[in-house]
Amino acid sequence: MYQDIVLEKMIAFDCGDARRIQHFIKVYAFAAYIGRKEGLDTRTQRILELAAIVHDIGIHAAEEKYHSTAGKYQEQEGPALATKLLADCGVPADVTGRVAFLVGHHHTYMDVVGLDWRILLEADFLVNAYEDQLSESALRAAREKIFETDTGRHILDTMFGLA
């Protein structure tokens, strides 16, 4: 519903940064697919997709403020920026609140509550694993520690030949 508007705004937000635009579009595609395959309800699917689009919105602010793209800084800077962008797109506050929470926890792997959060972690990891060219041992360790959905595990196994 709001995904196309938010995509347009995020592409403009990351103007000139093709790598980051490519990154969030890939995370969005994986998250949307995993969410559908795992049977998320319509509202949770929408929240997941919006969170996937804006998950790294805090990265520029983190670089500017902390001279770092570390996940903890993205999590600190991202929620306020995501809330503003989503509000500007007319996304309802109850949806925006959960998306902001997910943006503020998309590098937090402990105490995960909600399939939307789990799938966002998995989708982001799939893209980061490829972009960062993780070793097979790192992929196998992540499979055990991070991945819980059947769909996410299947993609990881198939993409990297782990099966």
N, C-alpha and C. Protein backbone atom coordinates (compact mmCIF):
# COMPACT_ATOMS: atom_id res chain seq x y z
N MET A 1 0.83 -1.19 0.00
CA MET A 1 0.00 0.00 0.00
C MET A 1 0.88 1.26 0.00
N TYR A 2 1.73 1.41 0.99
CA TYR A 2 2.62 2.56 1.07
C TYR A 2 4.02 2.25 0.54
N GLN A 3 4.27 1.00 0.22
CA GLN A 3 5.62 0.58 -0.11
C GLN A 3 6.22 1.36 -1.28
N ASP A 4 5.46 1.61 -2.33
CA ASP A 4 6.01 2.32 -3.49
C ASP A 4 6.38 3.75 -3.15
N ILE A 5 5.55 4.42 -2.37
CA ILE A 5 5.84 5.79 -1.97
C ILE A 5 7.11 5.83 -1.12
N VAL A 6 7.21 4.89 -0.18
CA VAL A 6 8.38 4.84 0.71
C VAL A 6 9.63 4.48 -0.09
N LEU A 7 9.51 3.58 -1.05
CA LEU A 7 10.65 3.26 -1.92
C LEU A 7 11.15 4.50 -2.64
N GLU A 8 10.24 5.27 -3.20
CA GLU A 8 10.62 6.50 -3.90
C GLU A 8 11.34 7.46 -2.96
N LYS A 9 10.81 7.62 -1.75
CA LYS A 9 11.43 8.54 -0.78
C LYS A 9 12.81 8.06 -0.34
N MET A 10 12.95 6.74 -0.16
CA MET A 10 14.27 6.20 0.26
C MET A 10 15.29 6.29 -0.87
N ILE A 11 14.86 6.08 -2.10
CA ILE A 11 15.79 6.24 -3.22
C ILE A 11 16.26 7.69 -3.27
N ALA A 12 15.36 8.63 -3.08
CA ALA A 12 15.74 10.05 -3.04
C ALA A 12 16.62 10.35 -1.83
N PHE A 13 16.30 9.73 -0.69
CA PHE A 13 17.08 9.94 0.54
C PHE A 13 18.54 9.50 0.34
N ASP A 14 18.73 8.39 -0.36
CA ASP A 14 20.07 7.85 -0.61
C ASP A 14 20.61 8.26 -1.98
N CYS A 15 20.09 9.35 -2.52
CA CYS A 15 20.49 9.84 -3.84
C CYS A 15 22.02 9.86 -3.97
N GLY A 16 22.49 9.27 -5.07
CA GLY A 16 23.92 9.24 -5.33
C GLY A 16 24.66 8.09 -4.66
N ASP A 17 23.96 7.30 -3.86
CA ASP A 17 24.58 6.19 -3.14
C ASP A 17 23.99 4.87 -3.66
N ALA A 18 24.41 4.51 -4.85
CA ALA A 18 23.85 3.33 -5.53
C ALA A 18 24.00 2.07 -4.70
N ARG A 19 25.13 1.90 -4.02
CA ARG A 19 25.36 0.70 -3.22
C ARG A 19 24.29 0.53 -2.15
N ARG A 20 23.97 1.62 -1.46
CA ARG A 20 22.97 1.54 -0.39
C ARG A 20 21.57 1.35 -0.94
N ILE A 21 21.28 1.97 -2.07
CA ILE A 21 19.97 1.77 -2.69
C ILE A 21 19.83 0.31 -3.11
N GLN A 22 20.86 -0.23 -3.75
CA GLN A 22 20.84 -1.64 -4.14
C GLN A 22 20.64 -2.52 -2.91
N HIS A 23 21.32 -2.18 -1.82
CA HIS A 23 21.25 -2.97 -0.60
C HIS A 23 19.81 -3.04 -0.07
N PHE A 24 19.18 -1.88 0.13
CA PHE A 24 17.85 -1.95 0.75
C PHE A 24 16.82 -2.55 -0.19
N ILE A 25 17.00 -2.42 -1.49
CA ILE A 25 16.05 -3.05 -2.42
C ILE A 25 16.19 -4.57 -2.34
N LYS A 26 17.40 -5.07 -2.21
CA LYS A 26 17.59 -6.52 -2.07
C LYS A 26 17.02 -7.01 -0.74
N VAL A 27 17.26 -6.29 0.34
CA VAL A 27 16.69 -6.69 1.63
C VAL A 27 15.16 -6.68 1.55
N TYR A 28 14.60 -5.66 0.93
CA TYR A 28 13.16 -5.58 0.75
C TYR A 28 12.63 -6.79 -0.01
N ALA A 29 13.29 -7.15 -1.10
CA ALA A 29 12.83 -8.29 -1.92
C ALA A 29 12.87 -9.59 -1.12
N PHE A 30 13.98 -9.83 -0.41
CA PHE A 30 14.07 -11.06 0.40
C PHE A 30 13.04 -11.05 1.52
N ALA A 31 12.90 -9.92 2.21
CA ALA A 31 11.95 -9.85 3.33
C ALA A 31 10.52 -10.08 2.84
N ALA A 32 10.15 -9.44 1.74
CA ALA A 32 8.80 -9.60 1.21
C ALA A 32 8.54 -11.06 0.86
N TYR A 33 9.49 -11.69 0.20
CA TYR A 33 9.34 -13.08 -0.20
C TYR A 33 9.26 -14.02 1.01
N ILE A 34 10.18 -13.84 1.96
CA ILE A 34 10.17 -14.70 3.15
C ILE A 34 8.87 -14.51 3.92
N GLY A 35 8.43 -13.27 4.09
CA GLY A 35 7.18 -13.00 4.80
C GLY A 35 5.99 -13.69 4.15
N ARG A 36 5.91 -13.61 2.82
CA ARG A 36 4.80 -14.28 2.12
C ARG A 36 4.88 -15.79 2.30
N LYS A 37 6.07 -16.36 2.12
CA LYS A 37 6.24 -17.81 2.24
C LYS A 37 5.95 -18.30 3.66
N GLU A 38 6.25 -17.48 4.65
CA GLU A 38 6.03 -17.85 6.05
C GLU A 38 4.60 -17.54 6.51
N GLY A 39 3.78 -16.96 5.63
CA GLY A 39 2.36 -16.76 5.91
C GLY A 39 2.03 -15.60 6.83
N LEU A 40 2.79 -14.52 6.77
CA LEU A 40 2.47 -13.36 7.62
C LEU A 40 1.10 -12.80 7.25
N ASP A 41 0.40 -12.28 8.24
CA ASP A 41 -0.86 -11.59 7.96
C ASP A 41 -0.55 -10.29 7.23
N THR A 42 -1.55 -9.70 6.62
CA THR A 42 -1.37 -8.52 5.77
C THR A 42 -0.70 -7.36 6.50
N ARG A 43 -1.13 -7.06 7.71
CA ARG A 43 -0.57 -5.93 8.46
C ARG A 43 0.90 -6.17 8.78
N THR A 44 1.23 -7.35 9.27
CA THR A 44 2.62 -7.66 9.63
C THR A 44 3.49 -7.68 8.39
N GLN A 45 2.98 -8.17 7.28
CA GLN A 45 3.72 -8.17 6.02
C GLN A 45 4.03 -6.74 5.60
N ARG A 46 3.06 -5.85 5.70
CA ARG A 46 3.27 -4.45 5.34
C ARG A 46 4.34 -3.81 6.24
N ILE A 47 4.25 -4.07 7.54
CA ILE A 47 5.25 -3.53 8.48
C ILE A 47 6.64 -4.05 8.12
N LEU A 48 6.75 -5.35 7.87
CA LEU A 48 8.03 -5.94 7.50
C LEU A 48 8.60 -5.29 6.24
N GLU A 49 7.78 -5.14 5.22
CA GLU A 49 8.26 -4.57 3.97
C GLU A 49 8.71 -3.13 4.15
N LEU A 50 7.94 -2.35 4.88
CA LEU A 50 8.34 -0.96 5.13
C LEU A 50 9.64 -0.90 5.93
N ALA A 51 9.76 -1.76 6.93
CA ALA A 51 10.99 -1.79 7.73
C ALA A 51 12.19 -2.19 6.87
N ALA A 52 12.00 -3.12 5.97
CA ALA A 52 13.09 -3.55 5.09
C ALA A 52 13.56 -2.40 4.21
N ILE A 53 12.63 -1.61 3.73
CA ILE A 53 12.99 -0.48 2.87
C ILE A 53 13.81 0.55 3.64
N VAL A 54 13.41 0.86 4.87
CA VAL A 54 14.06 1.96 5.62
C VAL A 54 15.07 1.47 6.67
N HIS A 55 15.37 0.19 6.70
CA HIS A 55 16.15 -0.36 7.82
C HIS A 55 17.49 0.34 8.02
N ASP A 56 18.14 0.78 6.96
CA ASP A 56 19.46 1.43 7.08
C ASP A 56 19.40 2.94 6.98
N ILE A 57 18.25 3.53 7.21
CA ILE A 57 18.09 4.97 7.05
C ILE A 57 19.02 5.78 7.96
N GLY A 58 19.46 5.19 9.05
CA GLY A 58 20.33 5.90 9.98
C GLY A 58 21.82 5.86 9.64
N ILE A 59 22.18 5.21 8.55
CA ILE A 59 23.60 5.00 8.26
C ILE A 59 24.33 6.30 7.95
N HIS A 60 23.70 7.22 7.21
CA HIS A 60 24.36 8.49 6.91
C HIS A 60 24.58 9.30 8.18
N ALA A 61 23.56 9.34 9.03
CA ALA A 61 23.68 10.07 10.30
C ALA A 61 24.75 9.44 11.18
N ALA A 62 24.84 8.12 11.18
CA ALA A 62 25.86 7.43 11.98
C ALA A 62 27.25 7.79 11.47
N GLU A 63 27.41 7.82 10.17
CA GLU A 63 28.72 8.19 9.60
C GLU A 63 29.09 9.61 9.97
N GLU A 64 28.11 10.50 9.87
CA GLU A 64 28.37 11.91 10.16
C GLU A 64 28.67 12.13 11.65
N LYS A 65 27.86 11.53 12.49
CA LYS A 65 27.96 11.77 13.93
C LYS A 65 29.07 10.97 14.60
N TYR A 66 29.24 9.70 14.20
CA TYR A 66 30.18 8.80 14.87
C TYR A 66 31.35 8.38 13.99
N HIS A 67 31.33 8.80 12.73
CA HIS A 67 32.35 8.37 11.76
C HIS A 67 32.41 6.85 11.66
N SER A 68 31.24 6.25 11.71
CA SER A 68 31.14 4.79 11.71
C SER A 68 29.78 4.37 11.16
N THR A 69 29.77 3.22 10.50
CA THR A 69 28.50 2.65 10.05
C THR A 69 28.09 1.47 10.93
N ALA A 70 28.69 1.35 12.09
CA ALA A 70 28.40 0.22 12.99
C ALA A 70 26.90 0.13 13.26
N GLY A 71 26.44 -1.12 13.36
CA GLY A 71 25.03 -1.38 13.56
C GLY A 71 24.42 -0.65 14.74
N LYS A 72 25.15 -0.57 15.85
CA LYS A 72 24.58 0.08 17.03
C LYS A 72 24.29 1.56 16.77
N TYR A 73 25.12 2.20 15.96
CA TYR A 73 24.89 3.61 15.64
C TYR A 73 23.72 3.77 14.66
N GLN A 74 23.61 2.84 13.72
CA GLN A 74 22.46 2.86 12.81
C GLN A 74 21.16 2.69 13.61
N GLU A 75 21.20 1.79 14.59
CA GLU A 75 20.02 1.55 15.42
C GLU A 75 19.66 2.78 16.26
N GLN A 76 20.65 3.54 16.68
CA GLN A 76 20.39 4.75 17.46
C GLN A 76 19.82 5.88 16.61
N GLU A 77 20.38 6.05 15.43
CA GLU A 77 20.02 7.19 14.58
C GLU A 77 18.82 6.93 13.68
N GLY A 78 18.55 5.68 13.37
CA GLY A 78 17.54 5.35 12.37
C GLY A 78 16.08 5.57 12.73
N PRO A 79 15.64 5.21 13.95
CA PRO A 79 14.20 5.30 14.23
C PRO A 79 13.57 6.68 14.02
N ALA A 80 14.22 7.72 14.46
CA ALA A 80 13.64 9.07 14.29
C ALA A 80 13.55 9.44 12.82
N LEU A 81 14.57 9.10 12.06
CA LEU A 81 14.55 9.39 10.62
C LEU A 81 13.47 8.58 9.91
N ALA A 82 13.35 7.31 10.28
CA ALA A 82 12.32 6.46 9.69
C ALA A 82 10.92 6.98 10.03
N THR A 83 10.72 7.36 11.28
CA THR A 83 9.42 7.89 11.70
C THR A 83 9.03 9.10 10.87
N LYS A 84 9.97 10.01 10.68
CA LYS A 84 9.68 11.21 9.89
C LYS A 84 9.37 10.87 8.44
N LEU A 85 10.19 10.05 7.82
CA LEU A 85 9.97 9.69 6.42
C LEU A 85 8.62 9.00 6.25
N LEU A 86 8.31 8.05 7.12
CA LEU A 86 7.05 7.33 7.03
C LEU A 86 5.85 8.25 7.25
N ALA A 87 5.96 9.15 8.23
CA ALA A 87 4.88 10.10 8.48
C ALA A 87 4.67 10.99 7.26
N ASP A 88 5.76 11.42 6.62
CA ASP A 88 5.66 12.24 5.41
C ASP A 88 4.97 11.49 4.27
N CYS A 89 5.01 10.17 4.31
CA CYS A 89 4.36 9.33 3.30
C CYS A 89 2.94 8.97 3.68
N GLY A 90 2.47 9.42 4.85
CA GLY A 90 1.11 9.15 5.28
C GLY A 90 0.90 7.80 5.94
N VAL A 91 1.98 7.15 6.34
CA VAL A 91 1.87 5.85 7.00
C VAL A 91 1.28 6.06 8.40
N PRO A 92 0.28 5.27 8.78
CA PRO A 92 -0.35 5.43 10.11
C PRO A 92 0.65 5.26 11.25
N ALA A 93 0.42 5.97 12.33
CA ALA A 93 1.33 5.98 13.48
C ALA A 93 1.56 4.60 14.08
N ASP A 94 0.52 3.76 14.14
CA ASP A 94 0.70 2.44 14.74
C ASP A 94 1.64 1.58 13.90
N VAL A 95 1.59 1.73 12.60
CA VAL A 95 2.51 1.01 11.71
C VAL A 95 3.90 1.61 11.84
N THR A 96 3.97 2.93 11.82
CA THR A 96 5.25 3.63 11.94
C THR A 96 5.98 3.26 13.22
N GLY A 97 5.24 3.13 14.31
CA GLY A 97 5.86 2.78 15.59
C GLY A 97 6.58 1.44 15.54
N ARG A 98 5.94 0.45 14.97
CA ARG A 98 6.58 -0.87 14.87
C ARG A 98 7.75 -0.84 13.90
N VAL A 99 7.59 -0.14 12.78
CA VAL A 99 8.70 -0.03 11.82
C VAL A 99 9.89 0.64 12.49
N ALA A 100 9.66 1.71 13.22
CA ALA A 100 10.75 2.40 13.91
C ALA A 100 11.44 1.47 14.91
N PHE A 101 10.65 0.67 15.61
CA PHE A 101 11.22 -0.31 16.54
C PHE A 101 12.14 -1.27 15.78
N LEU A 102 11.67 -1.78 14.66
CA LEU A 102 12.47 -2.74 13.88
C LEU A 102 13.75 -2.09 13.36
N VAL A 103 13.66 -0.84 12.90
CA VAL A 103 14.84 -0.12 12.44
C VAL A 103 15.84 0.01 13.60
N GLY A 104 15.33 0.25 14.79
CA GLY A 104 16.17 0.40 15.97
C GLY A 104 16.70 -0.90 16.53
N HIS A 105 16.34 -2.02 15.89
CA HIS A 105 16.79 -3.33 16.38
C HIS A 105 17.23 -4.27 15.26
N HIS A 106 17.49 -3.74 14.07
CA HIS A 106 17.78 -4.63 12.94
C HIS A 106 19.18 -5.23 12.95
N HIS A 107 19.97 -4.87 13.95
CA HIS A 107 21.26 -5.54 14.17
C HIS A 107 21.30 -6.21 15.54
N THR A 108 20.16 -6.34 16.18
CA THR A 108 20.06 -6.95 17.49
C THR A 108 19.50 -8.36 17.33
N TYR A 109 20.31 -9.35 17.64
CA TYR A 109 19.94 -10.75 17.40
C TYR A 109 19.45 -11.47 18.65
N MET A 110 19.47 -10.81 19.78
CA MET A 110 19.04 -11.44 21.04
C MET A 110 17.62 -11.02 21.37
N ASP A 111 16.89 -11.94 22.01
CA ASP A 111 15.55 -11.66 22.50
C ASP A 111 14.60 -11.16 21.41
N VAL A 112 14.69 -11.74 20.24
CA VAL A 112 13.86 -11.33 19.11
C VAL A 112 12.41 -11.73 19.37
N VAL A 113 11.53 -10.74 19.26
CA VAL A 113 10.10 -10.97 19.47
C VAL A 113 9.37 -10.54 18.20
N GLY A 114 8.74 -11.48 17.56
CA GLY A 114 7.95 -11.19 16.37
C GLY A 114 8.60 -11.74 15.11
N LEU A 115 7.78 -12.34 14.29
CA LEU A 115 8.28 -12.90 13.04
C LEU A 115 8.75 -11.81 12.09
N ASP A 116 8.16 -10.61 12.17
CA ASP A 116 8.63 -9.51 11.33
C ASP A 116 10.08 -9.16 11.65
N TRP A 117 10.42 -9.13 12.92
CA TRP A 117 11.80 -8.84 13.34
C TRP A 117 12.73 -9.95 12.87
N ARG A 118 12.34 -11.19 13.10
CA ARG A 118 13.16 -12.34 12.70
C ARG A 118 13.43 -12.31 11.20
N ILE A 119 12.40 -12.08 10.42
CA ILE A 119 12.56 -12.09 8.96
C ILE A 119 13.42 -10.92 8.50
N LEU A 120 13.28 -9.76 9.10
CA LEU A 120 14.14 -8.63 8.74
C LEU A 120 15.60 -8.98 9.00
N LEU A 121 15.89 -9.58 10.13
CA LEU A 121 17.27 -9.99 10.43
C LEU A 121 17.78 -10.97 9.37
N GLU A 122 16.97 -11.94 9.02
CA GLU A 122 17.38 -12.94 8.04
C GLU A 122 17.61 -12.31 6.67
N ALA A 123 16.68 -11.47 6.23
CA ALA A 123 16.81 -10.84 4.91
C ALA A 123 18.06 -9.95 4.84
N ASP A 124 18.28 -9.16 5.88
CA ASP A 124 19.46 -8.30 5.91
C ASP A 124 20.74 -9.13 5.94
N PHE A 125 20.72 -10.22 6.69
CA PHE A 125 21.89 -11.09 6.75
C PHE A 125 22.18 -11.71 5.38
N LEU A 126 21.16 -12.16 4.69
CA LEU A 126 21.36 -12.76 3.36
C LEU A 126 22.08 -11.79 2.43
N VAL A 127 21.66 -10.55 2.44
CA VAL A 127 22.28 -9.56 1.57
C VAL A 127 23.69 -9.21 2.06
N ASN A 128 23.85 -9.01 3.36
CA ASN A 128 25.17 -8.68 3.90
C ASN A 128 26.17 -9.82 3.69
N ALA A 129 25.69 -11.05 3.82
CA ALA A 129 26.58 -12.20 3.65
C ALA A 129 27.16 -12.23 2.24
N TYR A 130 26.33 -11.94 1.26
CA TYR A 130 26.81 -11.89 -0.12
C TYR A 130 27.72 -10.68 -0.35
N GLU A 131 27.26 -9.51 0.08
CA GLU A 131 28.02 -8.28 -0.16
C GLU A 131 29.37 -8.31 0.55
N ASP A 132 29.41 -8.94 1.72
CA ASP A 132 30.67 -9.01 2.50
C ASP A 132 31.46 -10.28 2.22
N GLN A 133 30.95 -11.14 1.36
CA GLN A 133 31.61 -12.40 0.98
C GLN A 133 32.04 -13.21 2.20
N LEU A 134 31.06 -13.52 3.05
CA LEU A 134 31.34 -14.28 4.27
C LEU A 134 31.85 -15.68 3.92
N SER A 135 32.68 -16.20 4.80
CA SER A 135 33.22 -17.56 4.62
C SER A 135 32.13 -18.59 4.86
N GLU A 136 32.37 -19.80 4.40
CA GLU A 136 31.41 -20.87 4.61
C GLU A 136 31.20 -21.14 6.09
N SER A 137 32.27 -21.09 6.87
CA SER A 137 32.12 -21.35 8.31
C SER A 137 31.27 -20.26 8.97
N ALA A 138 31.43 -19.02 8.56
CA ALA A 138 30.61 -17.92 9.10
C ALA A 138 29.15 -18.10 8.70
N LEU A 139 28.93 -18.54 7.47
CA LEU A 139 27.56 -18.78 7.01
C LEU A 139 26.91 -19.91 7.80
N ARG A 140 27.65 -20.97 8.03
CA ARG A 140 27.09 -22.11 8.78
C ARG A 140 26.79 -21.71 10.23
N ALA A 141 27.67 -20.92 10.82
CA ALA A 141 27.44 -20.45 12.19
C ALA A 141 26.19 -19.57 12.24
N ALA A 142 26.05 -18.69 11.26
CA ALA A 142 24.88 -17.81 11.22
C ALA A 142 23.61 -18.61 11.01
N ARG A 143 23.70 -19.68 10.22
CA ARG A 143 22.52 -20.52 9.98
C ARG A 143 21.99 -21.06 11.30
N GLU A 144 22.88 -21.44 12.19
CA GLU A 144 22.48 -21.99 13.48
C GLU A 144 22.03 -20.92 14.47
N LYS A 145 22.65 -19.74 14.42
CA LYS A 145 22.39 -18.71 15.43
C LYS A 145 21.32 -17.71 15.04
N ILE A 146 21.15 -17.46 13.75
CA ILE A 146 20.27 -16.38 13.30
C ILE A 146 19.00 -16.89 12.65
N PHE A 147 19.13 -17.87 11.79
CA PHE A 147 18.01 -18.28 10.95
C PHE A 147 17.07 -19.22 11.68
N GLU A 148 15.78 -18.87 11.67
CA GLU A 148 14.75 -19.70 12.27
C GLU A 148 13.64 -20.05 11.30
N THR A 149 13.46 -19.24 10.26
CA THR A 149 12.38 -19.57 9.32
C THR A 149 12.87 -20.62 8.32
N ASP A 150 11.96 -21.48 7.93
CA ASP A 150 12.29 -22.49 6.92
C ASP A 150 12.69 -21.82 5.61
N THR A 151 11.99 -20.76 5.26
CA THR A 151 12.26 -20.07 4.00
C THR A 151 13.64 -19.42 4.02
N GLY A 152 13.97 -18.74 5.11
CA GLY A 152 15.28 -18.10 5.22
C GLY A 152 16.40 -19.11 5.15
N ARG A 153 16.25 -20.22 5.86
CA ARG A 153 17.28 -21.27 5.82
C ARG A 153 17.44 -21.84 4.42
N HIS A 154 16.30 -22.06 3.76
CA HIS A 154 16.35 -22.61 2.40
C HIS A 154 17.09 -21.65 1.46
N ILE A 155 16.79 -20.37 1.55
CA ILE A 155 17.48 -19.39 0.69
C ILE A 155 18.97 -19.39 1.00
N LEU A 156 19.33 -19.33 2.28
CA LEU A 156 20.74 -19.33 2.68
C LEU A 156 21.45 -20.57 2.13
N ASP A 157 20.86 -21.73 2.36
CA ASP A 157 21.46 -22.99 1.90
C ASP A 157 21.63 -23.01 0.38
N THR A 158 20.61 -22.58 -0.32
CA THR A 158 20.62 -22.63 -1.77
C THR A 158 21.58 -21.59 -2.36
N MET A 159 21.53 -20.37 -1.83
CA MET A 159 22.37 -19.30 -2.35
C MET A 159 23.85 -19.62 -2.22
N PHE A 160 24.20 -20.21 -1.10
CA PHE A 160 25.62 -20.42 -0.79
C PHE A 160 26.03 -21.89 -0.88
N GLY A 161 25.15 -22.75 -1.36
CA GLY A 161 25.48 -24.16 -1.54
C GLY A 161 25.80 -24.88 -0.24
N LEU A 162 25.05 -24.58 0.80
CA LEU A 162 25.31 -25.17 2.11
C LEU A 162 24.59 -26.51 2.31
N ALA A 163 23.63 -26.79 1.48
CA ALA A 163 22.81 -28.01 1.67
C ALA A 163 23.61 -29.29 1.46
